Amino acid sequence: MFKIYRKYLINNFIIKFIYIFLIFFSLVFILSILEEITFLKNLNAPFFYPYLLTFLKAPITLFEIFPFIFLLTTQFLFYELMSNDELDLLKFNGISNLKIIKVLFFLSVAIGIFNVLIYYNVSSKLNFYYSDIKNKLTDDNKYLAMVTDSGLWIKDEKNSKTYLIKSEFIKDEILSNTLINEFDINFDLIRTIQSEKIDITKNQWVIFDPIVTKDNITSKYSSSIFLETNFDEKTINNLFSNISTLDILRLFNLMEDYKKIGYSPDDLQLHLLKLSIMPIFYGVLTVLSAILMFNISVNKPLIFHIAIGILMSVIIYYISFIFTSLGSNGKIPIIASVIFPITILSMLTIIGLVDLNEK
């Protein structure tokens, strides 16, 4: 039989979690809709588009602030338990502080697993539709890049010409084994360019030792030629940086495709590692928030508890941000950049648990 106190704690936690989630959803929706209205004001778009775009974008934004939601949920739960003297009642019936925290820890982990496996995949799909709609509303759909099993594909438009580019390999600023098809405004083929090496450091690509076919005549050049494009190394990196539009399965598939063309999968690996430990991260934050509440007088006003929660969230955010940046830049191993923050928080949590059950 499921113990009554566990059911009571779980129900209370979930109810408060939903309330806080809805509050943050409303805040995100209000702030985002102003941004979308500004974006669409000079575009010929239906009147409901700001609301649609905001609805599609809000879930993935909320996913990023779930740690803060867990912190506040725990604080509100314990504030209510302490204010109503329910903690003393639980202790009187033999329910220790550690038993309460244990229930909340595993509940947070369970919610975290749901968030990662279900909520994240749904919200990333909605974010993909969001990006797709905004792309179609601007001129950005003229410039596309994607990775497939056969390599890197780029569509570009420049100076009334269209380029379809396929490259087998990319490393840093160099494209290898590349084929470029150049079309005129009527999409008639002008020429094809083949090269083993292209420097894409700047928008003006440097094509080494090209083989050019035009009007069925093939010529091989010993010198380099130049090609004006809308892409450089930085632009291509940015195109592949919006990984929040990809669900977990597509992240794994894209990582394999990146490896095939020599493109660094570090950002994908970092993102997947962060997702994999997210349920434990939520659980640790819940325990840390509970310990904090046990060590703060219940006589303090509610706004004081909220302020402490915000301060703790900011500190945790910057700790995670610093290690993530170090991992992305290759200063520390990818695994270390993910494990170190949660290790630090776990150590603080263990220290807090040592004497908690004596209170």
Protein backbone atom coordinates (compact mmCIF):
# COMPACT_ATOMS: atom_id res chain seq x y z
CA MET A 1 0.00 0.00 0.00
CA PHE A 2 1.33 3.38 -1.01
CA LYS A 3 2.01 5.30 2.19
CA ILE A 4 -0.28 8.27 2.74
CA TYR A 5 2.52 10.77 3.44
CA ARG A 6 4.20 9.92 0.11
CA LYS A 7 0.98 10.42 -1.78
CA TYR A 8 0.42 13.71 0.03
CA LEU A 9 3.92 15.02 -0.76
CA ILE A 10 3.77 13.89 -4.38
CA ASN A 11 0.34 15.46 -4.98
CA ASN A 12 1.37 18.73 -3.35
CA PHE A 13 4.65 18.88 -5.29
CA ILE A 14 3.01 18.16 -8.65
CA ILE A 15 0.24 20.72 -8.08
CA LYS A 16 2.73 23.44 -7.19
CA PHE A 17 4.96 22.41 -10.08
CA ILE A 18 2.05 22.82 -12.51
CA TYR A 19 1.08 26.20 -11.03
CA ILE A 20 4.63 27.55 -11.30
CA PHE A 21 5.00 26.07 -14.78
CA LEU A 22 1.83 27.89 -15.92
CA ILE A 23 3.02 31.14 -14.34
CA PHE A 24 6.31 30.96 -16.21
CA PHE A 25 4.55 29.91 -19.41
CA SER A 26 2.39 33.03 -19.15
CA LEU A 27 5.43 35.25 -18.58
CA VAL A 28 7.33 33.70 -21.48
CA PHE A 29 4.25 34.01 -23.71
CA ILE A 30 3.74 37.71 -22.89
CA LEU A 31 7.41 38.61 -23.39
CA SER A 32 7.77 36.54 -26.56
CA ILE A 33 4.64 37.81 -28.25
CA LEU A 34 5.96 41.36 -28.09
CA GLU A 35 9.12 40.20 -29.85
CA GLU A 36 7.13 38.39 -32.54
CA ILE A 37 4.85 41.39 -33.15
CA THR A 38 7.95 43.53 -33.68
CA PHE A 39 9.40 40.93 -36.06
CA LEU A 40 6.19 40.66 -38.13
CA LYS A 41 5.12 44.31 -38.20
CA ASN A 42 6.66 44.96 -41.64
CA LEU A 43 5.78 41.56 -43.11
CA ASN A 44 2.60 40.52 -44.84
CA ALA A 45 1.63 37.82 -42.34
CA PRO A 46 -1.79 36.73 -40.98
CA PHE A 47 -2.87 38.43 -37.75
CA PHE A 48 -2.63 35.20 -35.73
CA TYR A 49 1.03 34.54 -36.60
CA PRO A 50 2.49 36.29 -33.51
CA TYR A 51 0.38 34.02 -31.29
CA LEU A 52 1.25 30.92 -33.33
CA LEU A 53 4.98 31.65 -33.32
CA THR A 54 4.95 32.39 -29.59
CA PHE A 55 3.09 29.16 -28.85
CA LEU A 56 5.61 27.16 -30.90
CA LYS A 57 8.65 28.80 -29.28
CA ALA A 58 7.53 28.96 -25.62
CA PRO A 59 7.88 25.22 -24.73
CA ILE A 60 11.59 24.99 -25.61
CA THR A 61 12.24 28.26 -23.75
CA LEU A 62 10.54 26.80 -20.68
CA PHE A 63 12.69 23.69 -20.93
CA GLU A 64 15.76 25.86 -20.36
CA ILE A 65 14.33 27.27 -17.11
CA PHE A 66 13.00 24.01 -15.67
CA PRO A 67 15.81 23.95 -13.03
CA PHE A 68 14.48 27.25 -11.69
CA ILE A 69 10.95 25.82 -11.67
CA PHE A 70 12.09 22.83 -9.61
CA LEU A 71 13.84 25.12 -7.14
CA LEU A 72 10.80 27.33 -6.65
CA THR A 73 8.41 24.37 -6.45
CA THR A 74 10.43 22.87 -3.62
CA GLN A 75 10.62 26.19 -1.80
CA PHE A 76 6.88 26.80 -2.01
CA LEU A 77 6.16 23.24 -0.90
CA PHE A 78 8.34 23.48 2.22
CA TYR A 79 7.16 26.99 3.00
CA GLU A 80 3.61 25.67 3.11
CA LEU A 81 4.57 22.59 5.16
CA MET A 82 6.44 24.73 7.66
CA SER A 83 3.79 27.44 7.86
CA ASN A 84 1.08 24.86 8.62
CA ASP A 85 3.30 22.95 11.06
CA GLU A 86 2.90 19.89 8.85
CA LEU A 87 6.60 19.07 9.06
CA ASP A 88 6.30 18.72 12.83
CA LEU A 89 3.27 16.47 12.32
CA LEU A 90 5.23 14.27 9.94
CA LYS A 91 8.12 14.04 12.40
CA PHE A 92 5.71 13.16 15.19
CA ASN A 93 4.54 10.22 13.09
CA GLY A 94 8.08 8.98 12.53
CA ILE A 95 8.70 10.56 9.12
CA SER A 96 12.24 11.95 9.12
CA ASN A 97 13.55 14.82 7.02
CA LEU A 98 15.60 12.41 4.94
CA LYS A 99 12.52 10.33 4.10
CA ILE A 100 10.72 13.46 2.88
CA ILE A 101 13.69 14.51 0.76
CA LYS A 102 14.05 10.98 -0.62
CA VAL A 103 10.46 11.05 -1.91
CA LEU A 104 10.95 14.46 -3.52
CA PHE A 105 14.29 13.46 -5.05
CA PHE A 106 12.90 10.42 -6.84
CA LEU A 107 9.78 12.36 -7.86
CA SER A 108 11.95 15.09 -9.42
CA VAL A 109 14.03 12.47 -11.25
CA ALA A 110 10.82 10.85 -12.57
CA ILE A 111 9.50 14.21 -13.79
CA GLY A 112 12.93 14.88 -15.31
CA ILE A 113 12.84 11.62 -17.27
CA PHE A 114 9.41 12.59 -18.61
CA ASN A 115 10.72 16.06 -19.49
CA VAL A 116 13.68 14.69 -21.43
CA LEU A 117 11.97 11.79 -23.22
CA ILE A 118 8.57 13.36 -23.93
CA TYR A 119 8.47 17.09 -23.27
CA TYR A 120 11.84 17.89 -24.88
CA ASN A 121 11.11 15.90 -28.04
CA VAL A 122 7.72 17.57 -28.47
CA SER A 123 9.04 21.07 -27.74
CA SER A 124 12.02 20.63 -30.09
CA LYS A 125 9.62 19.63 -32.85
CA LEU A 126 7.51 22.72 -32.18
CA ASN A 127 10.68 24.81 -32.22
CA PHE A 128 11.56 23.29 -35.60
CA TYR A 129 8.18 24.44 -36.99
CA TYR A 130 8.82 27.86 -35.43
CA SER A 131 12.19 28.18 -37.18
CA ASP A 132 10.75 26.89 -40.44
CA ILE A 133 7.91 29.44 -40.45
CA LYS A 134 10.23 32.35 -39.63
CA ASN A 135 12.64 31.18 -42.29
CA LYS A 136 9.88 31.26 -44.91
CA LEU A 137 8.83 34.75 -43.83
CA THR A 138 12.29 36.14 -44.53
CA ASP A 139 14.84 35.88 -47.30
CA ASP A 140 16.81 33.30 -45.32
CA ASN A 141 15.28 30.45 -47.34
CA LYS A 142 17.56 31.49 -50.20
CA TYR A 143 20.54 30.29 -48.20
CA LEU A 144 20.26 26.73 -46.95
CA ALA A 145 22.71 24.14 -45.64
CA MET A 146 22.18 20.59 -44.49
CA VAL A 147 24.12 17.43 -43.72
CA THR A 148 23.15 14.05 -45.22
CA ASP A 149 24.81 10.65 -45.54
CA SER A 150 26.48 11.83 -48.75
CA GLY A 151 28.01 14.97 -47.26
CA LEU A 152 27.40 18.68 -46.80
CA TRP A 153 24.87 20.30 -49.14
CA ILE A 154 24.53 24.07 -49.60
CA LYS A 155 22.09 26.12 -51.65
CA ASP A 156 23.11 29.73 -52.17
CA GLU A 157 21.96 32.74 -54.23
CA LYS A 158 24.34 35.52 -55.08
CA ASN A 159 24.41 38.12 -57.88
CA SER A 160 21.35 36.62 -59.65
CA LYS A 161 23.00 33.21 -59.67
CA THR A 162 22.07 30.05 -57.77
CA TYR A 163 24.67 27.63 -56.48
CA LEU A 164 24.12 24.02 -55.46
CA ILE A 165 27.17 22.84 -53.59
CA LYS A 166 28.04 19.37 -52.35
CA SER A 167 31.12 18.70 -50.25
CA GLU A 168 32.20 15.34 -48.87
CA PHE A 169 34.28 16.67 -46.01
CA ILE A 170 34.67 19.83 -43.92
CA LYS A 171 37.43 20.55 -41.41
CA ASP A 172 37.78 23.99 -39.88
CA GLU A 173 37.76 26.41 -42.83
CA ILE A 174 38.46 23.85 -45.58
CA LEU A 175 35.95 22.03 -47.80
CA SER A 176 37.25 18.85 -49.44
CA ASN A 177 36.09 16.99 -52.56
CA THR A 178 33.57 19.63 -53.55
CA LEU A 179 31.24 19.94 -56.54
CA ILE A 180 29.64 23.32 -57.35
CA ASN A 181 26.81 23.71 -59.86
CA GLU A 182 26.21 27.30 -60.95
CA PHE A 183 22.82 28.27 -62.46
CA ASP A 184 21.48 31.49 -63.94
CA ILE A 185 18.24 33.23 -62.95
CA ASN A 186 16.25 30.80 -65.14
CA PHE A 187 17.96 27.87 -63.45
CA ASP A 188 19.92 26.96 -66.58
CA LEU A 189 23.30 25.43 -65.87
CA ILE A 190 26.18 27.86 -66.45
CA ARG A 191 29.11 25.76 -65.28
CA THR A 192 30.27 23.14 -62.80
CA ILE A 193 33.34 23.47 -60.62
CA GLN A 194 35.17 20.58 -58.98
CA SER A 195 37.93 21.00 -56.42
CA GLU A 196 39.75 18.92 -53.84
CA LYS A 197 40.26 21.96 -51.59
CA ILE A 198 38.28 25.17 -50.98
CA ASP A 199 39.09 27.78 -48.36
CA ILE A 200 35.86 29.21 -46.86
CA THR A 201 37.46 31.50 -44.28
CA LYS A 202 35.69 34.45 -45.94
CA ASN A 203 32.55 34.86 -48.04
CA GLN A 204 34.83 34.97 -51.06
CA TRP A 205 35.82 31.34 -51.35
CA VAL A 206 39.27 30.44 -52.62
CA ILE A 207 39.01 27.40 -54.91
CA PHE A 208 42.34 25.62 -55.37
CA ASP A 209 43.21 23.76 -58.61
CA PRO A 210 39.62 23.80 -59.93
CA ILE A 211 38.26 21.70 -62.77
CA VAL A 212 35.64 23.81 -64.58
CA THR A 213 33.14 22.44 -67.08
CA LYS A 214 31.28 24.98 -69.24
CA ASP A 215 29.44 24.36 -72.52
CA ASN A 216 30.64 20.74 -72.42
CA ILE A 217 34.26 21.88 -72.33
CA THR A 218 36.34 20.91 -69.30
CA SER A 219 39.33 22.98 -68.24
CA LYS A 220 41.75 22.40 -65.40
CA TYR A 221 43.32 25.44 -63.72
CA SER A 222 46.65 25.36 -61.92
CA SER A 223 45.88 28.65 -60.18
CA SER A 224 43.09 29.45 -57.76
CA ILE A 225 39.76 31.04 -58.65
CA PHE A 226 37.34 32.93 -56.41
CA LEU A 227 33.63 32.54 -55.77
CA GLU A 228 31.43 35.10 -53.99
CA THR A 229 28.92 33.44 -51.63
CA ASN A 230 26.81 34.22 -48.58
CA PHE A 231 28.64 31.58 -46.56
CA ASP A 232 31.87 31.48 -44.64
CA GLU A 233 33.12 29.18 -41.89
CA LYS A 234 31.32 31.14 -39.17
CA THR A 235 28.02 31.24 -41.08
CA ILE A 236 28.03 27.48 -41.59
CA ASN A 237 28.83 26.89 -37.92
CA ASN A 238 25.90 29.12 -36.93
CA LEU A 239 23.53 27.24 -39.22
CA PHE A 240 24.31 24.04 -37.35
CA SER A 241 24.23 25.59 -33.88
CA ASN A 242 20.43 25.65 -33.46
CA ILE A 243 20.29 22.10 -32.14
CA SER A 244 17.24 22.85 -29.99
CA THR A 245 15.12 22.20 -33.10
CA LEU A 246 16.20 18.54 -33.13
CA ASP A 247 14.69 15.73 -31.09
CA ILE A 248 16.94 13.16 -29.43
CA LEU A 249 16.83 10.63 -32.28
CA ARG A 250 17.71 13.28 -34.86
CA LEU A 251 20.55 14.49 -32.64
CA PHE A 252 22.10 11.01 -32.68
CA ASN A 253 21.60 10.68 -36.45
CA LEU A 254 23.08 14.11 -37.11
CA MET A 255 26.08 13.33 -34.93
CA GLU A 256 26.86 10.33 -37.12
CA ASP A 257 26.47 12.46 -40.26
CA TYR A 258 28.83 15.08 -38.80
CA LYS A 259 31.47 12.43 -38.21
CA LYS A 260 31.19 11.26 -41.82
CA ILE A 261 31.95 14.71 -43.23
CA GLY A 262 34.57 15.56 -40.61
CA TYR A 263 32.48 18.26 -38.94
CA SER A 264 33.02 18.48 -35.18
CA PRO A 265 30.15 16.83 -33.24
CA ASP A 266 31.27 18.38 -29.92
CA ASP A 267 28.22 20.64 -29.57
CA LEU A 268 25.89 17.71 -30.21
CA GLN A 269 27.73 15.49 -27.73
CA LEU A 270 27.63 18.24 -25.12
CA HIS A 271 23.90 18.75 -25.66
CA LEU A 272 23.13 15.03 -25.45
CA LEU A 273 25.23 14.62 -22.29
CA LYS A 274 23.38 17.53 -20.66
CA LEU A 275 20.05 15.94 -21.57
CA SER A 276 21.14 12.56 -20.21
CA ILE A 277 21.98 13.89 -16.75
CA MET A 278 19.11 16.39 -16.60
CA PRO A 279 16.81 14.17 -14.46
CA ILE A 280 19.57 13.74 -11.84
CA PHE A 281 20.28 17.45 -12.04
CA TYR A 282 16.63 18.22 -11.25
CA GLY A 283 16.74 15.80 -8.32
CA VAL A 284 19.91 17.36 -6.89
CA LEU A 285 18.44 20.86 -7.20
CA THR A 286 15.28 19.73 -5.40
CA VAL A 287 17.34 18.32 -2.51
CA LEU A 288 19.53 21.43 -2.40
CA SER A 289 16.46 23.66 -2.27
CA ALA A 290 14.97 21.52 0.52
CA ILE A 291 18.16 21.76 2.57
CA LEU A 292 18.12 25.51 2.11
CA MET A 293 14.54 25.70 3.38
CA PHE A 294 15.37 23.59 6.44
CA ASN A 295 18.10 26.08 7.33
CA ILE A 296 16.00 29.24 6.90
CA SER A 297 13.57 30.37 9.55
CA VAL A 298 9.93 29.94 8.58
CA ASN A 299 9.29 33.37 10.06
CA LYS A 300 11.04 34.96 7.10
CA PRO A 301 8.58 36.46 4.56
CA LEU A 302 7.78 34.52 1.40
CA ILE A 303 9.51 37.12 -0.77
CA PHE A 304 12.75 36.41 1.10
CA HIS A 305 12.55 32.72 0.18
CA ILE A 306 11.84 33.60 -3.45
CA ALA A 307 14.80 35.99 -3.52
CA ILE A 308 17.08 33.26 -2.14
CA GLY A 309 15.78 30.87 -4.80
CA ILE A 310 16.47 33.39 -7.57
CA LEU A 311 19.96 34.06 -6.25
CA MET A 312 20.72 30.35 -6.07
CA SER A 313 19.38 29.85 -9.61
CA VAL A 314 21.61 32.61 -10.97
CA ILE A 315 24.69 31.13 -9.28
CA ILE A 316 23.91 27.63 -10.60
CA TYR A 317 23.25 29.03 -14.08
CA TYR A 318 26.62 30.77 -14.24
CA ILE A 319 28.46 27.73 -12.91
CA SER A 320 26.87 25.61 -15.67
CA PHE A 321 27.46 28.31 -18.29
CA ILE A 322 31.16 28.61 -17.47
CA PHE A 323 31.78 24.86 -17.68
CA THR A 324 29.67 24.53 -20.84
CA SER A 325 31.68 27.31 -22.51
CA LEU A 326 34.94 25.65 -21.51
CA GLY A 327 33.71 22.36 -22.99
CA SER A 328 32.49 23.97 -26.23
CA ASN A 329 35.83 25.75 -26.71
CA GLY A 330 37.81 22.59 -26.07
CA LYS A 331 39.45 23.93 -22.90
CA ILE A 332 38.27 20.92 -20.91
CA PRO A 333 36.86 17.54 -22.03
CA ILE A 334 33.18 17.49 -23.02
CA ILE A 335 32.32 14.97 -20.29
CA ALA A 336 34.09 17.05 -17.64
CA SER A 337 32.17 20.18 -18.64
CA VAL A 338 28.90 18.36 -17.91
CA ILE A 339 29.95 16.31 -14.89
CA PHE A 340 31.80 19.03 -12.93
CA PRO A 341 28.78 21.30 -12.24
CA ILE A 342 26.54 18.48 -11.03
CA THR A 343 29.46 17.07 -9.00
CA ILE A 344 29.93 20.41 -7.24
CA LEU A 345 26.21 20.65 -6.50
CA SER A 346 26.11 17.04 -5.33
CA MET A 347 28.97 17.62 -2.91
CA LEU A 348 27.20 20.66 -1.46
CA THR A 349 24.05 18.58 -1.16
CA ILE A 350 25.83 15.74 0.65
CA ILE A 351 27.37 18.20 3.10
CA GLY A 352 23.93 19.62 3.79
CA LEU A 353 22.42 16.15 4.30
CA VAL A 354 25.01 15.12 6.88
CA ASP A 355 23.36 16.97 9.75
CA LEU A 356 19.88 17.50 8.27
CA ASN A 357 18.27 14.49 9.91
CA GLU A 358 19.25 15.82 13.33
CA LYS A 359 17.11 18.90 12.90
